[in-house]
Amino acid sequence: MARIEPISGTPSDPLVARLVEEGERDGTPDARIIRVYGRTDLGARWIEFCKAAMTEGLLPVRLQELVRIRMSVAEECGYCSSLRSKPAQEAGLTEEIVVQMVDLDNAPDLDDREKAALRYADLYRRGEIDSDQVFEDLRRHFSDDEIIDLGILCGVLDGGGKFAKSLEVITWAQACEVRPTLTALQEQVAGAAAV
């Protein structure tokens, strides 16, 4: 049970009602978290911004979803880790591809841009992105404008993910029951975070 009671029934706020409808359609963020954040105007606007950061911009939705899953697994956020974006699935993201994040060097279905973004996400979580080398590595795969979108995505996921986890909409143990692949992913991501 969430630590903060979600809105029940049909939300009276038009923004929250729209976000709930979109969450039910798209899967990320879903109606459960929208109904918690949507208790306040600022919370609803935060969800709207997060949704934009995770699905819009210059980066492919599949890449954005991979980064979101990797960062949420590293945080052991049961809620975020258990979700899958329907638009990313429509773009070809399968659970088999998600599992390939366990071994980025040998992931046949992840392209070089996706691998670079996932490595950057690991560095972001460890606070190791403030170097010329990191940006040189990113520029092999991304334009400066794409790097801005990637950095914003990682910032939203890192900070917002910590709060989402604390709400305990779904626990890590419950998420692992729903998606057993999370255990192997978490072990690899924790190892990458320790490097």
N, C-alpha and C. Protein backbone atom coordinates (compact mmCIF):
# COMPACT_ATOMS: atom_id res chain seq x y z
N MET A 1 0.84 -1.18 0.00
CA MET A 1 0.00 0.00 0.00
C MET A 1 0.88 1.24 0.00
N ALA A 2 0.54 2.18 -0.84
CA ALA A 2 1.31 3.42 -0.94
C ALA A 2 1.32 4.14 0.41
N ARG A 3 2.45 4.78 0.72
CA ARG A 3 2.58 5.52 1.97
C ARG A 3 1.73 6.78 2.00
N ILE A 4 1.33 7.27 0.83
CA ILE A 4 0.41 8.41 0.73
C ILE A 4 -0.79 7.92 -0.08
N GLU A 5 -1.96 8.15 0.47
CA GLU A 5 -3.21 7.68 -0.14
C GLU A 5 -3.41 8.32 -1.51
N PRO A 6 -3.66 7.50 -2.55
CA PRO A 6 -3.92 8.05 -3.88
C PRO A 6 -5.33 8.63 -3.98
N ILE A 7 -5.53 9.50 -4.95
CA ILE A 7 -6.86 10.01 -5.28
C ILE A 7 -7.70 8.83 -5.75
N SER A 8 -8.93 8.75 -5.29
CA SER A 8 -9.81 7.68 -5.77
C SER A 8 -10.84 8.25 -6.73
N GLY A 9 -11.45 7.37 -7.49
CA GLY A 9 -12.49 7.80 -8.42
C GLY A 9 -11.94 8.60 -9.58
N THR A 10 -12.83 9.35 -10.20
CA THR A 10 -12.45 10.19 -11.33
C THR A 10 -11.88 11.51 -10.81
N PRO A 11 -10.64 11.82 -11.14
CA PRO A 11 -10.05 13.08 -10.66
C PRO A 11 -10.84 14.29 -11.15
N SER A 12 -11.03 15.26 -10.27
CA SER A 12 -11.77 16.47 -10.65
C SER A 12 -10.88 17.46 -11.41
N ASP A 13 -9.58 17.42 -11.16
CA ASP A 13 -8.64 18.30 -11.84
C ASP A 13 -8.45 17.80 -13.28
N PRO A 14 -8.69 18.65 -14.28
CA PRO A 14 -8.57 18.21 -15.68
C PRO A 14 -7.17 17.70 -16.04
N LEU A 15 -6.12 18.32 -15.49
CA LEU A 15 -4.76 17.85 -15.77
C LEU A 15 -4.56 16.45 -15.23
N VAL A 16 -4.97 16.22 -13.99
CA VAL A 16 -4.81 14.89 -13.39
C VAL A 16 -5.65 13.86 -14.14
N ALA A 17 -6.87 14.22 -14.51
CA ALA A 17 -7.72 13.30 -15.26
C ALA A 17 -7.06 12.91 -16.58
N ARG A 18 -6.48 13.90 -17.28
CA ARG A 18 -5.80 13.62 -18.55
C ARG A 18 -4.59 12.73 -18.33
N LEU A 19 -3.80 13.04 -17.29
CA LEU A 19 -2.61 12.23 -17.01
C LEU A 19 -2.98 10.80 -16.65
N VAL A 20 -4.05 10.61 -15.87
CA VAL A 20 -4.51 9.26 -15.53
C VAL A 20 -4.89 8.50 -16.79
N GLU A 21 -5.65 9.16 -17.66
CA GLU A 21 -6.06 8.52 -18.92
C GLU A 21 -4.83 8.15 -19.75
N GLU A 22 -3.87 9.07 -19.87
CA GLU A 22 -2.66 8.78 -20.65
C GLU A 22 -1.84 7.69 -19.99
N GLY A 23 -1.79 7.68 -18.65
CA GLY A 23 -1.05 6.64 -17.93
C GLY A 23 -1.64 5.27 -18.16
N GLU A 24 -2.96 5.20 -18.17
CA GLU A 24 -3.61 3.91 -18.43
C GLU A 24 -3.35 3.45 -19.85
N ARG A 25 -3.24 4.39 -20.77
CA ARG A 25 -2.99 4.06 -22.18
C ARG A 25 -1.53 3.70 -22.43
N ASP A 26 -0.60 4.51 -21.87
CA ASP A 26 0.82 4.39 -22.21
C ASP A 26 1.64 3.54 -21.25
N GLY A 27 1.21 3.42 -20.01
CA GLY A 27 1.90 2.55 -19.06
C GLY A 27 2.99 3.21 -18.24
N THR A 28 3.54 4.35 -18.66
CA THR A 28 4.60 5.00 -17.91
C THR A 28 4.47 6.50 -18.03
N PRO A 29 4.34 7.23 -16.93
CA PRO A 29 3.97 6.72 -15.61
C PRO A 29 2.53 6.22 -15.64
N ASP A 30 2.21 5.31 -14.75
CA ASP A 30 0.87 4.75 -14.78
C ASP A 30 -0.04 5.46 -13.78
N ALA A 31 -1.30 5.09 -13.81
CA ALA A 31 -2.32 5.78 -13.01
C ALA A 31 -2.05 5.70 -11.51
N ARG A 32 -1.39 4.64 -11.05
CA ARG A 32 -1.15 4.51 -9.60
C ARG A 32 -0.34 5.68 -9.06
N ILE A 33 0.76 5.99 -9.69
CA ILE A 33 1.62 7.08 -9.19
C ILE A 33 1.02 8.44 -9.52
N ILE A 34 0.32 8.54 -10.63
CA ILE A 34 -0.32 9.81 -10.99
C ILE A 34 -1.36 10.17 -9.93
N ARG A 35 -2.08 9.17 -9.43
CA ARG A 35 -3.10 9.43 -8.41
C ARG A 35 -2.49 9.84 -7.08
N VAL A 36 -1.24 9.50 -6.83
CA VAL A 36 -0.57 9.95 -5.61
C VAL A 36 -0.04 11.37 -5.82
N TYR A 37 0.75 11.56 -6.84
CA TYR A 37 1.32 12.89 -7.11
C TYR A 37 0.22 13.91 -7.41
N GLY A 38 -0.85 13.46 -8.05
CA GLY A 38 -1.92 14.35 -8.46
C GLY A 38 -2.73 14.94 -7.32
N ARG A 39 -2.36 14.62 -6.09
CA ARG A 39 -3.04 15.22 -4.94
C ARG A 39 -2.76 16.73 -4.87
N THR A 40 -1.64 17.16 -5.47
CA THR A 40 -1.33 18.59 -5.47
C THR A 40 -1.10 19.06 -6.90
N ASP A 41 -1.28 20.36 -7.10
CA ASP A 41 -1.04 20.95 -8.41
C ASP A 41 0.41 20.76 -8.84
N LEU A 42 1.34 21.02 -7.93
CA LEU A 42 2.76 20.87 -8.24
C LEU A 42 3.08 19.41 -8.57
N GLY A 43 2.50 18.48 -7.83
CA GLY A 43 2.71 17.05 -8.09
C GLY A 43 2.23 16.66 -9.48
N ALA A 44 1.06 17.17 -9.88
CA ALA A 44 0.53 16.86 -11.21
C ALA A 44 1.44 17.45 -12.29
N ARG A 45 1.91 18.68 -12.07
CA ARG A 45 2.80 19.30 -13.06
C ARG A 45 4.14 18.56 -13.12
N TRP A 46 4.61 18.04 -11.97
CA TRP A 46 5.85 17.24 -11.96
C TRP A 46 5.66 15.99 -12.81
N ILE A 47 4.55 15.30 -12.63
CA ILE A 47 4.28 14.10 -13.43
C ILE A 47 4.24 14.46 -14.91
N GLU A 48 3.61 15.58 -15.25
CA GLU A 48 3.53 16.00 -16.64
C GLU A 48 4.94 16.23 -17.20
N PHE A 49 5.81 16.88 -16.42
CA PHE A 49 7.18 17.12 -16.87
C PHE A 49 7.95 15.80 -16.98
N CYS A 50 7.82 14.93 -15.99
CA CYS A 50 8.50 13.62 -16.04
C CYS A 50 8.08 12.84 -17.26
N LYS A 51 6.79 12.83 -17.52
CA LYS A 51 6.27 12.12 -18.70
C LYS A 51 6.92 12.67 -19.96
N ALA A 52 7.03 13.98 -20.07
CA ALA A 52 7.67 14.58 -21.24
C ALA A 52 9.14 14.18 -21.31
N ALA A 53 9.84 14.20 -20.18
CA ALA A 53 11.26 13.85 -20.17
C ALA A 53 11.48 12.40 -20.55
N MET A 54 10.51 11.52 -20.26
CA MET A 54 10.66 10.09 -20.52
C MET A 54 10.14 9.66 -21.89
N THR A 55 9.40 10.54 -22.58
CA THR A 55 8.78 10.09 -23.83
C THR A 55 8.93 11.06 -24.99
N GLU A 56 9.37 12.29 -24.71
CA GLU A 56 9.48 13.28 -25.78
C GLU A 56 10.95 13.65 -25.97
N GLY A 57 11.20 14.63 -26.78
CA GLY A 57 12.56 15.10 -27.00
C GLY A 57 13.21 14.43 -28.18
N LEU A 58 14.52 14.53 -28.21
CA LEU A 58 15.30 14.08 -29.37
C LEU A 58 15.70 12.61 -29.33
N LEU A 59 15.58 11.98 -28.18
CA LEU A 59 16.04 10.59 -28.04
C LEU A 59 14.91 9.61 -28.36
N PRO A 60 15.24 8.48 -28.95
CA PRO A 60 14.22 7.47 -29.23
C PRO A 60 13.59 6.96 -27.93
N VAL A 61 12.29 6.69 -27.98
CA VAL A 61 11.58 6.26 -26.78
C VAL A 61 12.15 4.95 -26.22
N ARG A 62 12.61 4.08 -27.09
CA ARG A 62 13.21 2.82 -26.63
C ARG A 62 14.46 3.10 -25.78
N LEU A 63 15.31 4.00 -26.23
CA LEU A 63 16.52 4.37 -25.48
C LEU A 63 16.12 5.00 -24.15
N GLN A 64 15.15 5.89 -24.16
CA GLN A 64 14.69 6.53 -22.93
C GLN A 64 14.18 5.49 -21.94
N GLU A 65 13.45 4.52 -22.43
CA GLU A 65 12.88 3.48 -21.57
C GLU A 65 13.99 2.60 -20.98
N LEU A 66 14.99 2.27 -21.77
CA LEU A 66 16.11 1.48 -21.26
C LEU A 66 16.82 2.23 -20.13
N VAL A 67 17.06 3.51 -20.32
CA VAL A 67 17.71 4.33 -19.28
C VAL A 67 16.83 4.36 -18.04
N ARG A 68 15.52 4.56 -18.22
CA ARG A 68 14.61 4.62 -17.08
C ARG A 68 14.64 3.31 -16.29
N ILE A 69 14.58 2.20 -16.99
CA ILE A 69 14.58 0.91 -16.30
C ILE A 69 15.91 0.69 -15.58
N ARG A 70 17.02 0.97 -16.25
CA ARG A 70 18.33 0.74 -15.62
C ARG A 70 18.49 1.58 -14.36
N MET A 71 18.12 2.85 -14.42
CA MET A 71 18.29 3.71 -13.25
C MET A 71 17.33 3.31 -12.13
N SER A 72 16.13 2.89 -12.47
CA SER A 72 15.18 2.50 -11.43
C SER A 72 15.57 1.17 -10.79
N VAL A 73 16.15 0.28 -11.56
CA VAL A 73 16.64 -0.98 -10.99
C VAL A 73 17.79 -0.69 -10.03
N ALA A 74 18.70 0.19 -10.43
CA ALA A 74 19.83 0.53 -9.56
C ALA A 74 19.34 1.13 -8.24
N GLU A 75 18.25 1.85 -8.28
CA GLU A 75 17.67 2.47 -7.09
C GLU A 75 16.80 1.49 -6.31
N GLU A 76 16.52 0.32 -6.93
CA GLU A 76 15.61 -0.67 -6.37
C GLU A 76 14.23 -0.08 -6.11
N CYS A 77 13.79 0.74 -7.06
CA CYS A 77 12.44 1.29 -6.98
C CYS A 77 11.49 0.26 -7.58
N GLY A 78 10.75 -0.40 -6.74
CA GLY A 78 9.83 -1.44 -7.21
C GLY A 78 8.82 -0.92 -8.21
N TYR A 79 8.26 0.24 -7.93
CA TYR A 79 7.26 0.81 -8.83
C TYR A 79 7.86 1.06 -10.21
N CYS A 80 8.91 1.86 -10.27
CA CYS A 80 9.49 2.25 -11.56
C CYS A 80 10.08 1.07 -12.32
N SER A 81 10.69 0.14 -11.59
CA SER A 81 11.32 -1.01 -12.24
C SER A 81 10.32 -1.96 -12.86
N SER A 82 9.12 -2.01 -12.29
CA SER A 82 8.14 -2.98 -12.77
C SER A 82 7.35 -2.49 -13.98
N LEU A 83 7.39 -1.19 -14.25
CA LEU A 83 6.63 -0.63 -15.37
C LEU A 83 7.33 -0.84 -16.70
N ARG A 84 6.54 -0.95 -17.74
CA ARG A 84 7.06 -0.98 -19.11
C ARG A 84 6.19 -0.06 -19.95
N SER A 85 6.83 0.81 -20.68
CA SER A 85 6.15 1.76 -21.54
C SER A 85 5.59 1.06 -22.77
N LYS A 86 4.31 1.26 -23.02
CA LYS A 86 3.70 0.67 -24.21
C LYS A 86 4.29 1.25 -25.50
N PRO A 87 4.55 2.58 -25.58
CA PRO A 87 5.21 3.08 -26.79
C PRO A 87 6.60 2.47 -27.01
N ALA A 88 7.35 2.22 -25.95
CA ALA A 88 8.67 1.59 -26.11
C ALA A 88 8.52 0.14 -26.58
N GLN A 89 7.52 -0.55 -26.07
CA GLN A 89 7.27 -1.91 -26.53
C GLN A 89 6.89 -1.90 -28.01
N GLU A 90 6.08 -0.92 -28.40
CA GLU A 90 5.71 -0.80 -29.81
C GLU A 90 6.92 -0.47 -30.68
N ALA A 91 7.95 0.16 -30.07
CA ALA A 91 9.19 0.47 -30.78
C ALA A 91 10.17 -0.70 -30.76
N GLY A 92 9.72 -1.85 -30.27
CA GLY A 92 10.54 -3.05 -30.32
C GLY A 92 11.23 -3.45 -29.03
N LEU A 93 10.98 -2.76 -27.94
CA LEU A 93 11.61 -3.13 -26.67
C LEU A 93 10.87 -4.30 -26.05
N THR A 94 11.59 -5.39 -25.88
CA THR A 94 11.04 -6.59 -25.25
C THR A 94 11.75 -6.84 -23.93
N GLU A 95 11.19 -7.71 -23.13
CA GLU A 95 11.83 -8.06 -21.86
C GLU A 95 13.17 -8.75 -22.11
N GLU A 96 13.27 -9.48 -23.20
CA GLU A 96 14.53 -10.13 -23.55
C GLU A 96 15.63 -9.09 -23.80
N ILE A 97 15.26 -7.99 -24.44
CA ILE A 97 16.24 -6.92 -24.68
C ILE A 97 16.58 -6.23 -23.37
N VAL A 98 15.59 -6.00 -22.52
CA VAL A 98 15.84 -5.39 -21.21
C VAL A 98 16.86 -6.22 -20.43
N VAL A 99 16.72 -7.53 -20.46
CA VAL A 99 17.62 -8.41 -19.72
C VAL A 99 19.05 -8.31 -20.25
N GLN A 100 19.22 -7.94 -21.51
CA GLN A 100 20.56 -7.81 -22.07
C GLN A 100 21.37 -6.71 -21.38
N MET A 101 20.70 -5.84 -20.62
CA MET A 101 21.44 -4.82 -19.88
C MET A 101 22.34 -5.43 -18.83
N VAL A 102 22.16 -6.70 -18.52
CA VAL A 102 23.02 -7.37 -17.55
C VAL A 102 24.46 -7.37 -18.03
N ASP A 103 24.67 -7.48 -19.33
CA ASP A 103 26.02 -7.53 -19.90
C ASP A 103 26.08 -6.64 -21.14
N LEU A 104 26.31 -5.36 -20.92
CA LEU A 104 26.28 -4.40 -22.03
C LEU A 104 27.28 -4.74 -23.13
N ASP A 105 28.44 -5.25 -22.76
CA ASP A 105 29.46 -5.54 -23.77
C ASP A 105 29.04 -6.64 -24.73
N ASN A 106 28.14 -7.51 -24.28
CA ASN A 106 27.72 -8.64 -25.11
C ASN A 106 26.22 -8.63 -25.36
N ALA A 107 25.63 -7.46 -25.45
CA ALA A 107 24.20 -7.33 -25.66
C ALA A 107 23.93 -7.18 -27.16
N PRO A 108 23.52 -8.25 -27.84
CA PRO A 108 23.39 -8.19 -29.30
C PRO A 108 22.29 -7.28 -29.81
N ASP A 109 21.27 -7.04 -29.01
CA ASP A 109 20.14 -6.24 -29.49
C ASP A 109 20.17 -4.79 -29.01
N LEU A 110 21.22 -4.40 -28.30
CA LEU A 110 21.40 -3.01 -27.90
C LEU A 110 22.41 -2.37 -28.83
N ASP A 111 22.05 -1.24 -29.41
CA ASP A 111 22.99 -0.58 -30.31
C ASP A 111 24.00 0.26 -29.51
N ASP A 112 24.99 0.79 -30.21
CA ASP A 112 26.06 1.53 -29.53
C ASP A 112 25.55 2.76 -28.80
N ARG A 113 24.55 3.44 -29.38
CA ARG A 113 23.97 4.61 -28.70
C ARG A 113 23.28 4.20 -27.40
N GLU A 114 22.54 3.12 -27.44
CA GLU A 114 21.85 2.66 -26.22
C GLU A 114 22.87 2.27 -25.15
N LYS A 115 23.91 1.58 -25.55
CA LYS A 115 24.95 1.19 -24.58
C LYS A 115 25.63 2.42 -23.99
N ALA A 116 25.91 3.41 -24.83
CA ALA A 116 26.55 4.64 -24.34
C ALA A 116 25.63 5.36 -23.37
N ALA A 117 24.35 5.42 -23.68
CA ALA A 117 23.38 6.07 -22.79
C ALA A 117 23.28 5.34 -21.46
N LEU A 118 23.31 4.03 -21.49
CA LEU A 118 23.23 3.24 -20.25
C LEU A 118 24.49 3.40 -19.41
N ARG A 119 25.64 3.47 -20.06
CA ARG A 119 26.88 3.72 -19.32
C ARG A 119 26.84 5.11 -18.68
N TYR A 120 26.34 6.08 -19.43
CA TYR A 120 26.20 7.44 -18.89
C TYR A 120 25.25 7.44 -17.69
N ALA A 121 24.15 6.70 -17.79
CA ALA A 121 23.20 6.62 -16.67
C ALA A 121 23.89 6.08 -15.42
N ASP A 122 24.75 5.07 -15.58
CA ASP A 122 25.51 4.54 -14.43
C ASP A 122 26.41 5.63 -13.85
N LEU A 123 27.12 6.34 -14.71
CA LEU A 123 28.00 7.42 -14.25
C LEU A 123 27.19 8.52 -13.56
N TYR A 124 26.04 8.83 -14.11
CA TYR A 124 25.18 9.87 -13.53
C TYR A 124 24.81 9.50 -12.09
N ARG A 125 24.37 8.29 -11.91
CA ARG A 125 23.96 7.84 -10.56
C ARG A 125 25.13 7.90 -9.57
N ARG A 126 26.33 7.67 -10.05
CA ARG A 126 27.51 7.70 -9.16
C ARG A 126 28.07 9.10 -9.01
N GLY A 127 27.50 10.08 -9.71
CA GLY A 127 28.00 11.45 -9.63
C GLY A 127 29.34 11.64 -10.32
N GLU A 128 29.55 10.90 -11.42
CA GLU A 128 30.84 10.92 -12.11
C GLU A 128 30.73 11.44 -13.55
N ILE A 129 29.89 12.45 -13.77
CA ILE A 129 29.69 12.94 -15.13
C ILE A 129 30.42 14.24 -15.42
N ASP A 130 31.06 14.82 -14.42
CA ASP A 130 31.72 16.12 -14.58
C ASP A 130 33.15 15.95 -15.07
N SER A 131 33.27 15.50 -16.33
CA SER A 131 34.61 15.38 -16.91
C SER A 131 34.54 15.52 -18.43
N ASP A 132 35.62 16.02 -18.99
CA ASP A 132 35.70 16.16 -20.45
C ASP A 132 35.59 14.79 -21.12
N GLN A 133 36.18 13.78 -20.51
CA GLN A 133 36.15 12.44 -21.09
C GLN A 133 34.73 11.91 -21.24
N VAL A 134 33.89 12.14 -20.24
CA VAL A 134 32.50 11.69 -20.32
C VAL A 134 31.82 12.32 -21.53
N PHE A 135 32.05 13.62 -21.74
CA PHE A 135 31.40 14.30 -22.86
C PHE A 135 32.02 13.89 -24.20
N GLU A 136 33.29 13.62 -24.22
CA GLU A 136 33.91 13.11 -25.46
C GLU A 136 33.30 11.76 -25.83
N ASP A 137 33.11 10.90 -24.82
CA ASP A 137 32.50 9.60 -25.07
C ASP A 137 31.07 9.75 -25.58
N LEU A 138 30.30 10.65 -24.97
CA LEU A 138 28.92 10.87 -25.40
C LEU A 138 28.86 11.40 -26.83
N ARG A 139 29.77 12.30 -27.17
CA ARG A 139 29.74 12.92 -28.51
C ARG A 139 30.05 11.93 -29.63
N ARG A 140 30.52 10.78 -29.30
CA ARG A 140 30.71 9.75 -30.33
C ARG A 140 29.36 9.23 -30.82
N HIS A 141 28.33 9.42 -30.00
CA HIS A 141 27.02 8.84 -30.30
C HIS A 141 25.87 9.85 -30.31
N PHE A 142 26.08 11.01 -29.69
CA PHE A 142 24.99 11.97 -29.51
C PHE A 142 25.43 13.38 -29.87
N SER A 143 24.48 14.16 -30.38
CA SER A 143 24.73 15.58 -30.59
C SER A 143 24.66 16.28 -29.23
N ASP A 144 25.11 17.52 -29.19
CA ASP A 144 25.02 18.28 -27.93
C ASP A 144 23.58 18.42 -27.47
N ASP A 145 22.65 18.63 -28.41
CA ASP A 145 21.24 18.75 -28.04
C ASP A 145 20.71 17.44 -27.46
N GLU A 146 21.12 16.32 -28.02
CA GLU A 146 20.71 15.02 -27.48
C GLU A 146 21.31 14.79 -26.10
N ILE A 147 22.53 15.26 -25.88
CA ILE A 147 23.17 15.13 -24.56
C ILE A 147 22.36 15.91 -23.52
N ILE A 148 21.86 17.07 -23.88
CA ILE A 148 21.02 17.83 -22.95
C ILE A 148 19.79 17.01 -22.58
N ASP A 149 19.12 16.45 -23.56
CA ASP A 149 17.92 15.64 -23.27
C ASP A 149 18.26 14.43 -22.41
N LEU A 150 19.39 13.78 -22.69
CA LEU A 150 19.80 12.63 -21.89
C LEU A 150 20.11 13.03 -20.45
N GLY A 151 20.80 14.15 -20.27
CA GLY A 151 21.11 14.62 -18.92
C GLY A 151 19.85 14.97 -18.13
N ILE A 152 18.89 15.62 -18.80
CA ILE A 152 17.62 15.95 -18.13
C ILE A 152 16.88 14.67 -17.76
N LEU A 153 16.84 13.72 -18.66
CA LEU A 153 16.19 12.43 -18.37
C LEU A 153 16.82 11.79 -17.14
N CYS A 154 18.15 11.72 -17.11
CA CYS A 154 18.83 11.09 -15.97
C CYS A 154 18.56 11.85 -14.68
N GLY A 155 18.52 13.18 -14.75
CA GLY A 155 18.24 13.98 -13.56
C GLY A 155 16.85 13.71 -13.02
N VAL A 156 15.87 13.67 -13.91
CA VAL A 156 14.49 13.38 -13.49
C VAL A 156 14.41 11.98 -12.87
N LEU A 157 15.06 11.03 -13.51
CA LEU A 157 14.99 9.65 -13.02
C LEU A 157 15.72 9.47 -11.71
N ASP A 158 16.86 10.11 -11.55
CA ASP A 158 17.64 9.96 -10.33
C ASP A 158 16.92 10.59 -9.14
N GLY A 159 16.57 11.84 -9.25
CA GLY A 159 15.91 12.52 -8.13
C GLY A 159 14.48 12.05 -7.92
N GLY A 160 13.72 12.03 -9.01
CA GLY A 160 12.32 11.62 -8.91
C GLY A 160 12.17 10.17 -8.51
N GLY A 161 13.10 9.33 -8.96
CA GLY A 161 13.04 7.91 -8.62
C GLY A 161 13.20 7.66 -7.13
N LYS A 162 14.06 8.42 -6.50
CA LYS A 162 14.25 8.25 -5.05
C LYS A 162 12.95 8.54 -4.30
N PHE A 163 12.25 9.62 -4.70
CA PHE A 163 10.99 9.94 -4.04
C PHE A 163 9.92 8.90 -4.38
N ALA A 164 9.83 8.50 -5.65
CA ALA A 164 8.85 7.48 -6.04
C ALA A 164 9.06 6.20 -5.25
N LYS A 165 10.32 5.82 -5.06
CA LYS A 165 10.61 4.61 -4.27
C LYS A 165 10.09 4.78 -2.85
N SER A 166 10.31 5.95 -2.26
CA SER A 166 9.89 6.16 -0.87
C SER A 166 8.38 6.11 -0.70
N LEU A 167 7.63 6.36 -1.76
CA LEU A 167 6.17 6.30 -1.67
C LEU A 167 5.66 4.87 -1.53
N GLU A 168 6.48 3.92 -1.92
CA GLU A 168 6.21 2.49 -1.82
C GLU A 168 4.85 2.11 -2.43
N VAL A 169 4.64 2.58 -3.66
CA VAL A 169 3.45 2.19 -4.39
C VAL A 169 3.49 0.68 -4.63
N ILE A 170 4.68 0.17 -4.87
CA ILE A 170 4.93 -1.27 -4.95
C ILE A 170 6.35 -1.49 -4.42
N THR A 171 6.53 -2.48 -3.59
CA THR A 171 7.84 -2.73 -2.99
C THR A 171 8.76 -3.41 -4.01
N TRP A 172 10.06 -3.41 -3.70
CA TRP A 172 11.03 -4.09 -4.55
C TRP A 172 10.71 -5.58 -4.62
N ALA A 173 10.38 -6.18 -3.49
CA ALA A 173 10.07 -7.62 -3.46
C ALA A 173 8.85 -7.92 -4.33
N GLN A 174 7.82 -7.09 -4.25
CA GLN A 174 6.64 -7.29 -5.09
C GLN A 174 6.99 -7.13 -6.57
N ALA A 175 7.82 -6.16 -6.88
CA ALA A 175 8.23 -5.95 -8.27
C ALA A 175 8.99 -7.16 -8.80
N CYS A 176 9.86 -7.74 -7.98
CA CYS A 176 10.62 -8.91 -8.40
C CYS A 176 9.72 -10.12 -8.62
N GLU A 177 8.61 -10.18 -7.90
CA GLU A 177 7.64 -11.25 -8.14
C GLU A 177 6.95 -11.05 -9.48
N VAL A 178 6.62 -9.80 -9.80
CA VAL A 178 5.95 -9.48 -11.06
C VAL A 178 6.92 -9.67 -12.23
N ARG A 179 8.16 -9.23 -12.05
CA ARG A 179 9.19 -9.30 -13.09
C ARG A 179 10.43 -9.98 -12.52
N PRO A 180 10.49 -11.31 -12.54
CA PRO A 180 11.63 -12.03 -11.96
C PRO A 180 12.99 -11.64 -12.55
N THR A 181 13.01 -11.10 -13.75
CA THR A 181 14.28 -10.69 -14.36
C THR A 181 14.94 -9.54 -13.61
N LEU A 182 14.20 -8.85 -12.75
CA LEU A 182 14.77 -7.70 -12.03
C LEU A 182 15.91 -8.11 -11.11
N THR A 183 15.86 -9.30 -10.56
CA THR A 183 16.92 -9.73 -9.64
C THR A 183 18.28 -9.77 -10.33
N ALA A 184 18.34 -10.38 -11.51
CA ALA A 184 19.61 -10.44 -12.26
C ALA A 184 20.04 -9.05 -12.69
N LEU A 185 19.09 -8.23 -13.13
CA LEU A 185 19.42 -6.87 -13.53
C LEU A 185 19.97 -6.08 -12.36
N GLN A 186 19.35 -6.21 -11.21
CA GLN A 186 19.78 -5.45 -10.04
C GLN A 186 21.20 -5.83 -9.64
N GLU A 187 21.53 -7.10 -9.68
CA GLU A 187 22.89 -7.55 -9.32
C GLU A 187 23.92 -6.92 -10.25
N GLN A 188 23.63 -6.88 -11.55
CA GLN A 188 24.57 -6.30 -12.51
C GLN A 188 24.67 -4.80 -12.33
N VAL A 189 23.54 -4.13 -12.16
CA VAL A 189 23.54 -2.68 -12.01
C VAL A 189 24.23 -2.28 -10.73
N ALA A 190 24.01 -3.04 -9.66
CA ALA A 190 24.71 -2.74 -8.40
C ALA A 190 26.21 -2.91 -8.59
N GLY A 191 26.62 -3.91 -9.34
CA GLY A 191 28.04 -4.10 -9.62
C GLY A 191 28.60 -2.94 -10.42
N ALA A 192 27.84 -2.43 -11.41
CA ALA A 192 28.29 -1.29 -12.20
C ALA A 192 28.37 -0.03 -11.34
N ALA A 193 27.46 0.09 -10.38
CA ALA A 193 27.45 1.26 -9.52
C ALA A 193 28.65 1.26 -8.57
N ALA A 194 29.17 0.10 -8.26
CA ALA A 194 30.27 -0.02 -7.32
C ALA A 194 31.63 0.24 -7.98
N VAL A 195 31.68 0.17 -9.31
CA VAL A 195 32.94 0.34 -10.04
C VAL A 195 33.49 1.73 -9.87
